[in-house]
Amino acid sequence: MANLEGKKLGLLLSTPPTHPNAETVAQLSKAAQHAKVQVYLYLIDEGVKNLENPTIRDLTDSGVKLSVCAYGCQQHKVSTDGYGPDVTFCGLVVLSQIVTGCDQFVAFN
């Protein structure tokens, strides 16, 4: 098996917590971190609703870098209040940086 330590994985989640993609992203993130891969997760569209999903939110405790589309939060009426520095509310420029800055990028739509 290849050594993945130090690699970067970018993930995009655009589906709500009720969709199986949320669990898939959580499990993939955990597996990648176990392999010492740095994980960058961007929530967009209905994916912003996963801010209220403990399975996704708890990923930041283990070091996943979580970025959330601020416009998506506004559109889906998801509050941006009360989150600490482990959640970054931003725009598509950050998503673009994740796409270009990671070794692999996977979108879950």
Protein backbone atom coordinates (compact mmCIF):
# COMPACT_ATOMS: atom_id res chain seq x y z
CA MET A 1 0.00 0.00 0.00
CA ALA A 2 1.27 3.46 -0.88
CA ASN A 3 2.33 5.86 1.82
CA LEU A 4 -0.30 8.60 1.90
CA GLU A 5 1.09 10.53 4.84
CA GLY A 6 1.17 14.24 4.12
CA LYS A 7 -1.15 14.06 1.13
CA LYS A 8 -4.19 16.35 0.91
CA LEU A 9 -7.74 15.23 0.15
CA GLY A 10 -10.43 17.72 -0.80
CA LEU A 11 -14.09 16.76 -0.39
CA LEU A 12 -17.21 18.58 -1.52
CA LEU A 13 -20.58 17.72 0.01
CA SER A 14 -23.69 19.24 -1.54
CA THR A 15 -26.36 16.91 -0.15
CA PRO A 16 -28.31 17.19 3.14
CA PRO A 17 -27.69 15.06 6.24
CA THR A 18 -30.50 12.69 5.24
CA HIS A 19 -28.62 11.65 2.09
CA PRO A 20 -26.21 8.68 2.35
CA ASN A 21 -23.39 10.91 1.03
CA ALA A 22 -23.06 12.53 4.46
CA GLU A 23 -22.13 9.21 6.08
CA THR A 24 -19.85 8.32 3.16
CA VAL A 25 -17.98 11.62 3.52
CA ALA A 26 -17.64 11.11 7.27
CA GLN A 27 -16.25 7.59 6.88
CA LEU A 28 -13.91 8.59 4.04
CA SER A 29 -12.63 11.50 6.12
CA LYS A 30 -11.92 9.23 9.08
CA ALA A 31 -10.15 6.66 6.90
CA ALA A 32 -8.04 9.36 5.25
CA GLN A 33 -7.06 10.83 8.59
CA HIS A 34 -6.14 7.38 9.85
CA ALA A 35 -3.71 7.24 6.90
CA LYS A 36 -2.35 10.64 7.99
CA VAL A 37 -3.95 12.47 5.04
CA GLN A 38 -5.00 16.09 5.62
CA VAL A 39 -8.73 16.44 4.82
CA TYR A 40 -10.41 19.61 3.56
CA LEU A 41 -14.22 19.47 3.50
CA TYR A 42 -16.35 22.09 1.78
CA LEU A 43 -20.12 22.17 2.36
CA ILE A 44 -22.19 23.78 -0.39
CA ASP A 45 -25.83 23.97 -1.48
CA GLU A 46 -27.94 21.67 0.74
CA GLY A 47 -24.71 20.33 2.17
CA VAL A 48 -24.59 23.36 4.47
CA LYS A 49 -27.37 21.70 6.46
CA ASN A 50 -24.71 19.24 7.66
CA LEU A 51 -23.52 21.93 10.07
CA GLU A 52 -26.29 20.55 12.29
CA ASN A 53 -25.15 16.96 11.67
CA PRO A 54 -22.95 15.82 14.60
CA THR A 55 -21.29 13.17 12.43
CA ILE A 56 -19.94 15.89 10.12
CA ARG A 57 -19.35 18.57 12.77
CA ASP A 58 -17.32 16.20 14.95
CA LEU A 59 -14.83 15.70 12.11
CA THR A 60 -13.26 19.03 13.04
CA ASP A 61 -12.31 17.57 16.42
CA SER A 62 -9.92 15.21 14.66
CA GLY A 63 -8.46 17.89 12.39
CA VAL A 64 -10.66 18.04 9.30
CA LYS A 65 -10.58 21.56 7.88
CA LEU A 66 -14.25 22.50 7.45
CA SER A 67 -15.27 25.30 5.09
CA VAL A 68 -18.91 26.22 4.54
CA CYS A 69 -20.48 28.28 1.77
CA ALA A 70 -21.78 31.43 3.45
CA TYR A 71 -24.17 32.10 0.57
CA GLY A 72 -25.54 28.56 0.87
CA CYS A 73 -26.19 29.14 4.56
CA GLN A 74 -28.12 32.29 3.72
CA GLN A 75 -30.14 30.53 1.01
CA HIS A 76 -31.01 27.53 3.21
CA LYS A 77 -31.53 29.58 6.37
CA VAL A 78 -28.71 27.86 8.25
CA SER A 79 -27.36 29.99 11.08
CA THR A 80 -23.67 30.89 11.04
CA ASP A 81 -23.72 32.02 14.67
CA GLY A 82 -21.98 30.23 17.50
CA TYR A 83 -19.27 28.41 15.55
CA GLY A 84 -15.67 28.67 16.59
CA PRO A 85 -12.52 28.96 14.53
CA ASP A 86 -12.79 25.33 13.40
CA VAL A 87 -15.52 26.32 10.89
CA THR A 88 -14.75 28.79 8.11
CA PHE A 89 -17.66 30.52 6.36
CA CYS A 90 -16.49 31.58 2.94
CA GLY A 91 -17.16 31.72 -0.78
CA LEU A 92 -16.21 29.82 -3.89
CA VAL A 93 -12.68 31.23 -3.95
CA VAL A 94 -11.85 28.93 -1.03
CA LEU A 95 -13.41 25.98 -2.84
CA SER A 96 -11.25 26.79 -5.86
CA GLN A 97 -8.16 26.81 -3.63
CA ILE A 98 -9.11 23.44 -2.17
CA VAL A 99 -9.58 21.95 -5.65
CA THR A 100 -6.22 23.19 -6.88
CA GLY A 101 -4.32 22.69 -3.62
CA CYS A 102 -5.20 19.07 -2.90
CA ASP A 103 -3.67 15.92 -4.32
CA GLN A 104 -7.15 14.45 -4.86
CA PHE A 105 -10.59 16.02 -4.91
CA VAL A 106 -13.91 14.17 -4.73
CA ALA A 107 -17.37 15.72 -5.04
CA PHE A 108 -20.42 14.12 -3.43
CA ASN A 109 -23.49 15.55 -5.15
